[in-house]
Amino acid sequence: MTSPVSQTLIDAARAYEALFVPALFQQWAPMVADAARIERGDRVLDIACGTGVLAREAARRTGSSARVAGLDPNAGMLAVARDLAPGIDWRDGAAEALPFPDRSFDVVVCQFGLMFFSDRDKAVREMLRVMVPGGRCAVAVWDVIEHAPAFAALVDLLDRVAGKPAGDALRAPFVLGDRQGLAALYKGAGASLVDLTTLNGTARFPNIREFVEAELRGWLPVMGVVLPEPQINRILAEAESIFARYLTADGLAFGISAHLATCRRP
């Protein structure tokens, strides 16, 4: 019998879908799907699917949500994903031990999850295992943090006010920004025709406070860093002047780039 999903996890996933998906992740789903050349009739696996923005894009392209599976270890994310797209095969699981037979998919995709896997080499080998020979894979990871100056500025603020552990929690998503290391990971796992492309995107938040608070109250606790309210309030106050340069008529907007790694299974 499956245990009920805690309301806390579901609420966090709903907040993720409402804020982070439109602010950061929605724009990349078509780019990853293009890189993977997802076509009608393909069987597609989305690893670290979150609330399913990329899996939903894949389902639109395959012409059948039944041909798409999404895998994530977070029960709250999967609960929201099921509500949004009940026809997709949502699975609880880890990238390092995919719960699928060999040669189950024509395409495997992963959008901004690889950097958090406990064993990246094993995860890449698992991706190749579940692909058919000649199958296609496309993975997105963030570029180095220096190419996301707003995030770099927030890391500097966190280092100064809250200490290096807080700054490191926000550095974590950018740890695979080195292109050579990323290519070596896939080649070392036995992938063929490995190609890397760096693309530019734009992060958009309603205002400075929502951007900073989303990271302090949303992301940092996920990484095990919970800041006391006085520190949060000080960071929010100082952020107003630091990020004023990124304000537009429609809110906060700043550039961020990502690497798309594509390969095939031999």
C-alpha atoms as a PDB file:
ATOM      1  CA  MET A   1       0.000   0.000   0.000  1.00  0.00           C
ATOM      2  CA  THR A   2       1.377   3.397  -1.008  1.00  0.00           C
ATOM      3  CA  SER A   3       1.860   5.880   1.838  1.00  0.00           C
ATOM      4  CA  PRO A   4      -0.032   9.165   1.513  1.00  0.00           C
ATOM      5  CA  VAL A   5       2.033  12.119   0.306  1.00  0.00           C
ATOM      6  CA  SER A   6       2.480  14.798   2.947  1.00  0.00           C
ATOM      7  CA  GLN A   7       0.675  18.059   2.306  1.00  0.00           C
ATOM      8  CA  THR A   8       3.938  19.901   2.949  1.00  0.00           C
ATOM      9  CA  LEU A   9       5.594  18.166  -0.020  1.00  0.00           C
ATOM     10  CA  ILE A  10       2.587  18.818  -2.238  1.00  0.00           C
ATOM     11  CA  ASP A  11       2.422  22.490  -1.261  1.00  0.00           C
ATOM     12  CA  ALA A  12       6.137  22.889  -1.988  1.00  0.00           C
ATOM     13  CA  ALA A  13       5.710  21.238  -5.398  1.00  0.00           C
ATOM     14  CA  ARG A  14       2.753  23.471  -6.224  1.00  0.00           C
ATOM     15  CA  ALA A  15       4.819  26.529  -5.328  1.00  0.00           C
ATOM     16  CA  TYR A  16       7.624  25.190  -7.551  1.00  0.00           C
ATOM     17  CA  GLU A  17       5.213  24.757 -10.469  1.00  0.00           C
ATOM     18  CA  ALA A  18       3.674  28.184  -9.940  1.00  0.00           C
ATOM     19  CA  LEU A  19       6.910  30.166  -9.556  1.00  0.00           C
ATOM     20  CA  PHE A  20      10.037  28.338 -10.689  1.00  0.00           C
ATOM     21  CA  VAL A  21       8.581  26.678 -13.787  1.00  0.00           C
ATOM     22  CA  PRO A  22       7.499  29.920 -15.506  1.00  0.00           C
ATOM     23  CA  ALA A  23      10.457  31.866 -14.096  1.00  0.00           C
ATOM     24  CA  LEU A  24      13.216  29.431 -15.087  1.00  0.00           C
ATOM     25  CA  PHE A  25      12.298  26.029 -16.499  1.00  0.00           C
ATOM     26  CA  GLN A  26       9.433  26.404 -18.991  1.00  0.00           C
ATOM     27  CA  GLN A  27      11.566  28.059 -21.659  1.00  0.00           C
ATOM     28  CA  TRP A  28      14.089  25.215 -21.693  1.00  0.00           C
ATOM     29  CA  ALA A  29      11.625  22.355 -22.249  1.00  0.00           C
ATOM     30  CA  PRO A  30      11.194  23.005 -26.014  1.00  0.00           C
ATOM     31  CA  MET A  31      14.961  23.462 -26.377  1.00  0.00           C
ATOM     32  CA  VAL A  32      15.697  20.093 -24.756  1.00  0.00           C
ATOM     33  CA  ALA A  33      12.928  18.421 -26.784  1.00  0.00           C
ATOM     34  CA  ASP A  34      14.377  19.941 -29.970  1.00  0.00           C
ATOM     35  CA  ALA A  35      17.879  18.761 -29.048  1.00  0.00           C
ATOM     36  CA  ALA A  36      16.551  15.232 -28.482  1.00  0.00           C
ATOM     37  CA  ARG A  37      14.594  15.415 -31.759  1.00  0.00           C
ATOM     38  CA  ILE A  38      11.481  13.989 -30.110  1.00  0.00           C
ATOM     39  CA  GLU A  39       9.055  12.866 -32.809  1.00  0.00           C
ATOM     40  CA  ARG A  40       5.573  11.423 -33.039  1.00  0.00           C
ATOM     41  CA  GLY A  41       5.571   7.822 -31.856  1.00  0.00           C
ATOM     42  CA  ASP A  42       8.765   8.016 -29.800  1.00  0.00           C
ATOM     43  CA  ARG A  43       8.889   6.404 -26.374  1.00  0.00           C
ATOM     44  CA  VAL A  44      10.364   9.049 -24.057  1.00  0.00           C
ATOM     45  CA  LEU A  45      11.704   8.977 -20.496  1.00  0.00           C
ATOM     46  CA  ASP A  46      12.120  12.236 -18.539  1.00  0.00           C
ATOM     47  CA  ILE A  47      14.509  11.708 -15.597  1.00  0.00           C
ATOM     48  CA  ALA A  48      14.284  14.036 -12.570  1.00  0.00           C
ATOM     49  CA  CYS A  49      11.010  15.227 -14.063  1.00  0.00           C
ATOM     50  CA  GLY A  50       9.867  17.423 -11.172  1.00  0.00           C
ATOM     51  CA  THR A  51       6.317  18.562 -11.817  1.00  0.00           C
ATOM     52  CA  GLY A  52       6.659  17.427 -15.430  1.00  0.00           C
ATOM     53  CA  VAL A  53       7.199  20.472 -17.625  1.00  0.00           C
ATOM     54  CA  LEU A  54       9.524  18.582 -19.999  1.00  0.00           C
ATOM     55  CA  ALA A  55       7.483  15.362 -19.933  1.00  0.00           C
ATOM     56  CA  ARG A  56       4.378  17.349 -20.922  1.00  0.00           C
ATOM     57  CA  GLU A  57       6.299  18.891 -23.817  1.00  0.00           C
ATOM     58  CA  ALA A  58       7.408  15.400 -24.874  1.00  0.00           C
ATOM     59  CA  ALA A  59       3.817  14.121 -24.754  1.00  0.00           C
ATOM     60  CA  ARG A  60       2.695  16.915 -27.067  1.00  0.00           C
ATOM     61  CA  ARG A  61       5.357  15.888 -29.574  1.00  0.00           C
ATOM     62  CA  THR A  62       4.904  12.126 -29.428  1.00  0.00           C
ATOM     63  CA  GLY A  63       1.165  12.452 -29.915  1.00  0.00           C
ATOM     64  CA  SER A  64       0.407  10.196 -26.951  1.00  0.00           C
ATOM     65  CA  SER A  65       1.049  10.802 -23.269  1.00  0.00           C
ATOM     66  CA  ALA A  66       0.986   7.015 -22.812  1.00  0.00           C
ATOM     67  CA  ARG A  67       4.337   6.850 -24.616  1.00  0.00           C
ATOM     68  CA  VAL A  68       6.008   9.153 -22.053  1.00  0.00           C
ATOM     69  CA  ALA A  69       7.323   8.301 -18.578  1.00  0.00           C
ATOM     70  CA  GLY A  70       8.547  10.710 -15.922  1.00  0.00           C
ATOM     71  CA  LEU A  71      10.722   9.680 -12.984  1.00  0.00           C
ATOM     72  CA  ASP A  72      11.496  11.615  -9.788  1.00  0.00           C
ATOM     73  CA  PRO A  73      12.299  10.722  -6.156  1.00  0.00           C
ATOM     74  CA  ASN A  74      10.109  13.532  -4.756  1.00  0.00           C
ATOM     75  CA  ALA A  75       6.579  12.335  -3.983  1.00  0.00           C
ATOM     76  CA  GLY A  76       5.191  15.868  -3.870  1.00  0.00           C
ATOM     77  CA  MET A  77       6.505  16.668  -7.342  1.00  0.00           C
ATOM     78  CA  LEU A  78       4.966  13.476  -8.706  1.00  0.00           C
ATOM     79  CA  ALA A  79       1.608  14.189  -7.067  1.00  0.00           C
ATOM     80  CA  VAL A  80       1.409  17.568  -8.795  1.00  0.00           C
ATOM     81  CA  ALA A  81       2.679  16.067 -12.066  1.00  0.00           C
ATOM     82  CA  ARG A  82      -0.125  13.460 -11.992  1.00  0.00           C
ATOM     83  CA  ASP A  83      -2.719  16.163 -11.442  1.00  0.00           C
ATOM     84  CA  LEU A  84      -1.427  18.140 -14.429  1.00  0.00           C
ATOM     85  CA  ALA A  85      -1.003  15.201 -16.834  1.00  0.00           C
ATOM     86  CA  PRO A  86      -2.639  11.976 -15.595  1.00  0.00           C
ATOM     87  CA  GLY A  87      -1.939  10.083 -18.839  1.00  0.00           C
ATOM     88  CA  ILE A  88       1.837  10.127 -18.393  1.00  0.00           C
ATOM     89  CA  ASP A  89       3.496   7.184 -16.594  1.00  0.00           C
ATOM     90  CA  TRP A  90       4.841   8.903 -13.468  1.00  0.00           C
ATOM     91  CA  ARG A  91       7.319   6.797 -11.459  1.00  0.00           C
ATOM     92  CA  ASP A  92       9.005   7.209  -8.081  1.00  0.00           C
ATOM     93  CA  GLY A  93      12.665   6.353  -8.451  1.00  0.00           C
ATOM     94  CA  ALA A  94      16.317   7.338  -8.701  1.00  0.00           C
ATOM     95  CA  ALA A  95      18.369   8.012 -11.814  1.00  0.00           C
ATOM     96  CA  GLU A  96      21.058   5.607 -10.621  1.00  0.00           C
ATOM     97  CA  ALA A  97      18.638   2.630 -10.658  1.00  0.00           C
ATOM     98  CA  LEU A  98      15.999   3.223 -13.316  1.00  0.00           C
ATOM     99  CA  PRO A  99      12.944   0.962 -12.826  1.00  0.00           C
ATOM    100  CA  PHE A 100      12.692   0.051 -16.520  1.00  0.00           C
ATOM    101  CA  PRO A 101      13.934  -2.853 -18.646  1.00  0.00           C
ATOM    102  CA  ASP A 102      16.806  -2.544 -21.100  1.00  0.00           C
ATOM    103  CA  ARG A 103      15.977  -0.850 -24.420  1.00  0.00           C
ATOM    104  CA  SER A 104      12.629   0.560 -23.235  1.00  0.00           C
ATOM    105  CA  PHE A 105      12.890   4.056 -24.744  1.00  0.00           C
ATOM    106  CA  ASP A 106      13.780   5.757 -27.997  1.00  0.00           C
ATOM    107  CA  VAL A 107      14.636   9.017 -26.200  1.00  0.00           C
ATOM    108  CA  VAL A 108      15.863   9.879 -22.701  1.00  0.00           C
ATOM    109  CA  VAL A 109      15.892  13.488 -21.467  1.00  0.00           C
ATOM    110  CA  CYS A 110      16.880  15.195 -18.239  1.00  0.00           C
ATOM    111  CA  GLN A 111      16.465  18.892 -17.526  1.00  0.00           C
ATOM    112  CA  PHE A 112      18.590  20.374 -14.702  1.00  0.00           C
ATOM    113  CA  GLY A 113      18.791  17.202 -12.631  1.00  0.00           C
ATOM    114  CA  LEU A 114      22.155  15.609 -13.464  1.00  0.00           C
ATOM    115  CA  MET A 115      24.119  17.879 -11.121  1.00  0.00           C
ATOM    116  CA  PHE A 116      22.219  16.519  -8.108  1.00  0.00           C
ATOM    117  CA  PHE A 117      22.590  12.789  -8.752  1.00  0.00           C
ATOM    118  CA  SER A 118      24.637  10.944  -6.139  1.00  0.00           C
ATOM    119  CA  ASP A 119      26.503   8.919  -8.801  1.00  0.00           C
ATOM    120  CA  ARG A 120      26.482  10.760 -12.127  1.00  0.00           C
ATOM    121  CA  ASP A 121      28.493   8.135 -14.000  1.00  0.00           C
ATOM    122  CA  LYS A 122      26.069   5.407 -12.945  1.00  0.00           C
ATOM    123  CA  ALA A 123      23.107   7.599 -13.849  1.00  0.00           C
ATOM    124  CA  VAL A 124      24.455   8.187 -17.369  1.00  0.00           C
ATOM    125  CA  ARG A 125      25.079   4.458 -17.797  1.00  0.00           C
ATOM    126  CA  GLU A 126      21.494   3.815 -16.715  1.00  0.00           C
ATOM    127  CA  MET A 127      20.252   6.324 -19.297  1.00  0.00           C
ATOM    128  CA  LEU A 128      22.126   4.435 -22.005  1.00  0.00           C
ATOM    129  CA  ARG A 129      20.910   1.063 -20.717  1.00  0.00           C
ATOM    130  CA  VAL A 130      17.220   1.896 -21.095  1.00  0.00           C
ATOM    131  CA  MET A 131      17.692   3.388 -24.590  1.00  0.00           C
ATOM    132  CA  VAL A 132      17.362   1.359 -27.760  1.00  0.00           C
ATOM    133  CA  PRO A 133      20.517   1.088 -29.917  1.00  0.00           C
ATOM    134  CA  GLY A 134      20.778   4.378 -31.741  1.00  0.00           C
ATOM    135  CA  GLY A 135      18.494   5.983 -29.164  1.00  0.00           C
ATOM    136  CA  ARG A 136      18.826   9.673 -28.455  1.00  0.00           C
ATOM    137  CA  CYS A 137      19.584  11.483 -25.205  1.00  0.00           C
ATOM    138  CA  ALA A 138      19.498  15.204 -24.359  1.00  0.00           C
ATOM    139  CA  VAL A 139      20.464  16.631 -20.974  1.00  0.00           C
ATOM    140  CA  ALA A 140      20.460  20.259 -19.804  1.00  0.00           C
ATOM    141  CA  VAL A 141      22.707  21.593 -17.036  1.00  0.00           C
ATOM    142  CA  TRP A 142      23.370  25.157 -15.980  1.00  0.00           C
ATOM    143  CA  ASP A 143      26.490  26.918 -17.255  1.00  0.00           C
ATOM    144  CA  VAL A 144      29.045  28.214 -14.735  1.00  0.00           C
ATOM    145  CA  ILE A 145      27.606  30.653 -12.219  1.00  0.00           C
ATOM    146  CA  GLU A 146      29.767  33.481 -13.599  1.00  0.00           C
ATOM    147  CA  HIS A 147      27.488  33.402 -16.654  1.00  0.00           C
ATOM    148  CA  ALA A 148      24.454  33.955 -14.395  1.00  0.00           C
ATOM    149  CA  PRO A 149      25.510  37.252 -12.772  1.00  0.00           C
ATOM    150  CA  ALA A 150      22.338  37.714 -10.734  1.00  0.00           C
ATOM    151  CA  PHE A 151      22.803  34.326  -9.085  1.00  0.00           C
ATOM    152  CA  ALA A 152      26.506  35.083  -8.582  1.00  0.00           C
ATOM    153  CA  ALA A 153      25.553  38.323  -6.829  1.00  0.00           C
ATOM    154  CA  LEU A 154      23.107  36.473  -4.570  1.00  0.00           C
ATOM    155  CA  VAL A 155      25.785  33.903  -3.711  1.00  0.00           C
ATOM    156  CA  ASP A 156      28.148  36.731  -2.726  1.00  0.00           C
ATOM    157  CA  LEU A 157      25.421  38.231  -0.534  1.00  0.00           C
ATOM    158  CA  LEU A 158      24.748  34.880   1.118  1.00  0.00           C
ATOM    159  CA  ASP A 159      28.458  34.287   1.736  1.00  0.00           C
ATOM    160  CA  ARG A 160      28.747  37.658   3.431  1.00  0.00           C
ATOM    161  CA  VAL A 161      25.573  37.630   5.526  1.00  0.00           C
ATOM    162  CA  ALA A 162      24.818  33.949   6.157  1.00  0.00           C
ATOM    163  CA  GLY A 163      28.143  32.186   5.621  1.00  0.00           C
ATOM    164  CA  LYS A 164      29.695  29.893   3.013  1.00  0.00           C
ATOM    165  CA  PRO A 165      27.330  26.907   3.587  1.00  0.00           C
ATOM    166  CA  ALA A 166      24.425  29.100   2.471  1.00  0.00           C
ATOM    167  CA  GLY A 167      26.373  30.330  -0.539  1.00  0.00           C
ATOM    168  CA  ASP A 168      27.416  26.791  -1.436  1.00  0.00           C
ATOM    169  CA  ALA A 169      23.767  25.674  -1.426  1.00  0.00           C
ATOM    170  CA  LEU A 170      23.113  28.147  -4.235  1.00  0.00           C
ATOM    171  CA  ARG A 171      26.352  27.269  -6.051  1.00  0.00           C
ATOM    172  CA  ALA A 172      25.280  23.613  -6.245  1.00  0.00           C
ATOM    173  CA  PRO A 173      23.083  23.883  -9.380  1.00  0.00           C
ATOM    174  CA  PHE A 174      26.053  25.258 -11.345  1.00  0.00           C
ATOM    175  CA  VAL A 175      28.646  22.571 -10.565  1.00  0.00           C
ATOM    176  CA  LEU A 176      28.523  20.972 -14.047  1.00  0.00           C
ATOM    177  CA  GLY A 177      29.180  24.199 -15.913  1.00  0.00           C
ATOM    178  CA  ASP A 178      32.541  22.983 -17.238  1.00  0.00           C
ATOM    179  CA  ARG A 179      31.891  21.830 -20.814  1.00  0.00           C
ATOM    180  CA  GLN A 180      34.896  19.492 -21.042  1.00  0.00           C
ATOM    181  CA  GLY A 181      33.971  17.687 -17.840  1.00  0.00           C
ATOM    182  CA  LEU A 182      30.383  17.249 -19.004  1.00  0.00           C
ATOM    183  CA  ALA A 183      31.445  15.791 -22.349  1.00  0.00           C
ATOM    184  CA  ALA A 184      33.922  13.465 -20.624  1.00  0.00           C
ATOM    185  CA  LEU A 185      31.150  12.144 -18.363  1.00  0.00           C
ATOM    186  CA  TYR A 186      29.106  10.930 -21.344  1.00  0.00           C
ATOM    187  CA  LYS A 187      32.039   9.632 -23.355  1.00  0.00           C
ATOM    188  CA  GLY A 188      33.324   7.761 -20.308  1.00  0.00           C
ATOM    189  CA  ALA A 189      29.963   6.029 -19.926  1.00  0.00           C
ATOM    190  CA  GLY A 190      30.115   4.752 -23.507  1.00  0.00           C
ATOM    191  CA  ALA A 191      27.896   7.255 -25.310  1.00  0.00           C
ATOM    192  CA  SER A 192      28.600   8.070 -28.929  1.00  0.00           C
ATOM    193  CA  LEU A 193      28.243  11.255 -30.977  1.00  0.00           C
ATOM    194  CA  VAL A 194      28.418  13.435 -27.880  1.00  0.00           C
ATOM    195  CA  ASP A 195      27.740  17.082 -28.730  1.00  0.00           C
ATOM    196  CA  LEU A 196      27.520  20.174 -26.528  1.00  0.00           C
ATOM    197  CA  THR A 197      25.664  23.399 -27.230  1.00  0.00           C
ATOM    198  CA  THR A 198      25.434  26.417 -24.932  1.00  0.00           C
ATOM    199  CA  LEU A 199      22.202  28.401 -25.121  1.00  0.00           C
ATOM    200  CA  ASN A 200      21.119  31.633 -23.462  1.00  0.00           C
ATOM    201  CA  GLY A 201      17.867  32.101 -21.574  1.00  0.00           C
ATOM    202  CA  THR A 202      16.206  34.680 -19.347  1.00  0.00           C
ATOM    203  CA  ALA A 203      15.036  34.208 -15.779  1.00  0.00           C
ATOM    204  CA  ARG A 204      11.904  36.208 -14.969  1.00  0.00           C
ATOM    205  CA  PHE A 205      10.433  36.818 -11.518  1.00  0.00           C
ATOM    206  CA  PRO A 206       7.601  39.172 -10.494  1.00  0.00           C
ATOM    207  CA  ASN A 207       9.944  41.275  -8.342  1.00  0.00           C
ATOM    208  CA  ILE A 208      13.203  41.213  -6.379  1.00  0.00           C
ATOM    209  CA  ARG A 209      11.636  39.967  -3.169  1.00  0.00           C
ATOM    210  CA  GLU A 210       9.998  36.936  -4.810  1.00  0.00           C
ATOM    211  CA  PHE A 211      13.261  35.930  -6.494  1.00  0.00           C
ATOM    212  CA  VAL A 212      15.349  36.178  -3.340  1.00  0.00           C
ATOM    213  CA  GLU A 213      12.720  34.732  -1.024  1.00  0.00           C
ATOM    214  CA  ALA A 214      12.164  31.775  -3.348  1.00  0.00           C
ATOM    215  CA  GLU A 215      15.840  30.897  -2.994  1.00  0.00           C
ATOM    216  CA  LEU A 216      16.035  31.543   0.759  1.00  0.00           C
ATOM    217  CA  ARG A 217      12.790  29.841   1.779  1.00  0.00           C
ATOM    218  CA  GLY A 218      12.427  27.392  -1.092  1.00  0.00           C
ATOM    219  CA  TRP A 219      15.803  26.255  -2.373  1.00  0.00           C
ATOM    220  CA  LEU A 220      18.139  26.586   0.614  1.00  0.00           C
ATOM    221  CA  PRO A 221      16.018  24.352   2.929  1.00  0.00           C
ATOM    222  CA  VAL A 222      16.012  21.675   0.211  1.00  0.00           C
ATOM    223  CA  MET A 223      19.816  21.778   0.457  1.00  0.00           C
ATOM    224  CA  GLY A 224      19.690  21.559   4.255  1.00  0.00           C
ATOM    225  CA  VAL A 225      20.248  25.254   5.018  1.00  0.00           C
ATOM    226  CA  VAL A 226      17.545  27.004   7.039  1.00  0.00           C
ATOM    227  CA  LEU A 227      18.307  30.642   7.783  1.00  0.00           C
ATOM    228  CA  PRO A 228      16.958  32.484  10.847  1.00  0.00           C
ATOM    229  CA  GLU A 229      14.440  35.236  10.167  1.00  0.00           C
ATOM    230  CA  PRO A 230      16.777  38.115  11.080  1.00  0.00           C
ATOM    231  CA  GLN A 231      19.279  36.929   8.437  1.00  0.00           C
ATOM    232  CA  ILE A 232      16.519  36.507   5.847  1.00  0.00           C
ATOM    233  CA  ASN A 233      15.258  40.014   6.532  1.00  0.00           C
ATOM    234  CA  ARG A 234      18.759  41.500   6.237  1.00  0.00           C
ATOM    235  CA  ILE A 235      19.377  39.704   2.937  1.00  0.00           C
ATOM    236  CA  LEU A 236      16.018  40.849   1.558  1.00  0.00           C
ATOM    237  CA  ALA A 237      16.752  44.438   2.541  1.00  0.00           C
ATOM    238  CA  GLU A 238      20.205  44.475   0.942  1.00  0.00           C
ATOM    239  CA  ALA A 239      18.939  42.710  -2.180  1.00  0.00           C
ATOM    240  CA  GLU A 240      16.741  45.648  -3.150  1.00  0.00           C
ATOM    241  CA  SER A 241      19.729  47.765  -4.139  1.00  0.00           C
ATOM    242  CA  ILE A 242      21.882  44.918  -5.449  1.00  0.00           C
ATOM    243  CA  PHE A 243      19.273  43.678  -7.950  1.00  0.00           C
ATOM    244  CA  ALA A 244      17.707  47.014  -8.908  1.00  0.00           C
ATOM    245  CA  ARG A 245      19.708  46.915 -12.161  1.00  0.00           C
ATOM    246  CA  TYR A 246      17.682  43.900 -13.305  1.00  0.00           C
ATOM    247  CA  LEU A 247      14.259  45.489 -12.855  1.00  0.00           C
ATOM    248  CA  THR A 248      12.110  45.986 -15.947  1.00  0.00           C
ATOM    249  CA  ALA A 249       8.571  47.204 -16.532  1.00  0.00           C
ATOM    250  CA  ASP A 250       7.411  43.576 -16.197  1.00  0.00           C
ATOM    251  CA  GLY A 251       9.399  42.643 -13.095  1.00  0.00           C
ATOM    252  CA  LEU A 252      12.846  41.167 -12.543  1.00  0.00           C
ATOM    253  CA  ALA A 253      14.682  39.715 -15.554  1.00  0.00           C
ATOM    254  CA  PHE A 254      18.264  38.540 -15.972  1.00  0.00           C
ATOM    255  CA  GLY A 255      20.281  36.317 -18.268  1.00  0.00           C
ATOM    256  CA  ILE A 256      21.233  32.721 -17.534  1.00  0.00           C
ATOM    257  CA  SER A 257      22.825  30.136 -19.828  1.00  0.00           C
ATOM    258  CA  ALA A 258      22.782  26.351 -19.977  1.00  0.00           C
ATOM    259  CA  HIS A 259      24.638  23.547 -21.725  1.00  0.00           C
ATOM    260  CA  LEU A 260      22.699  20.977 -23.746  1.00  0.00           C
ATOM    261  CA  ALA A 261      24.514  17.667 -24.036  1.00  0.00           C
ATOM    262  CA  THR A 262      23.221  15.289 -26.702  1.00  0.00           C
ATOM    263  CA  CYS A 263      24.392  11.770 -27.464  1.00  0.00           C
ATOM    264  CA  ARG A 264      23.332   8.402 -28.843  1.00  0.00           C
ATOM    265  CA  ARG A 265      23.534   4.874 -27.561  1.00  0.00           C
ATOM    266  CA  PRO A 266      25.871   2.909 -29.845  1.00  0.00           C
END
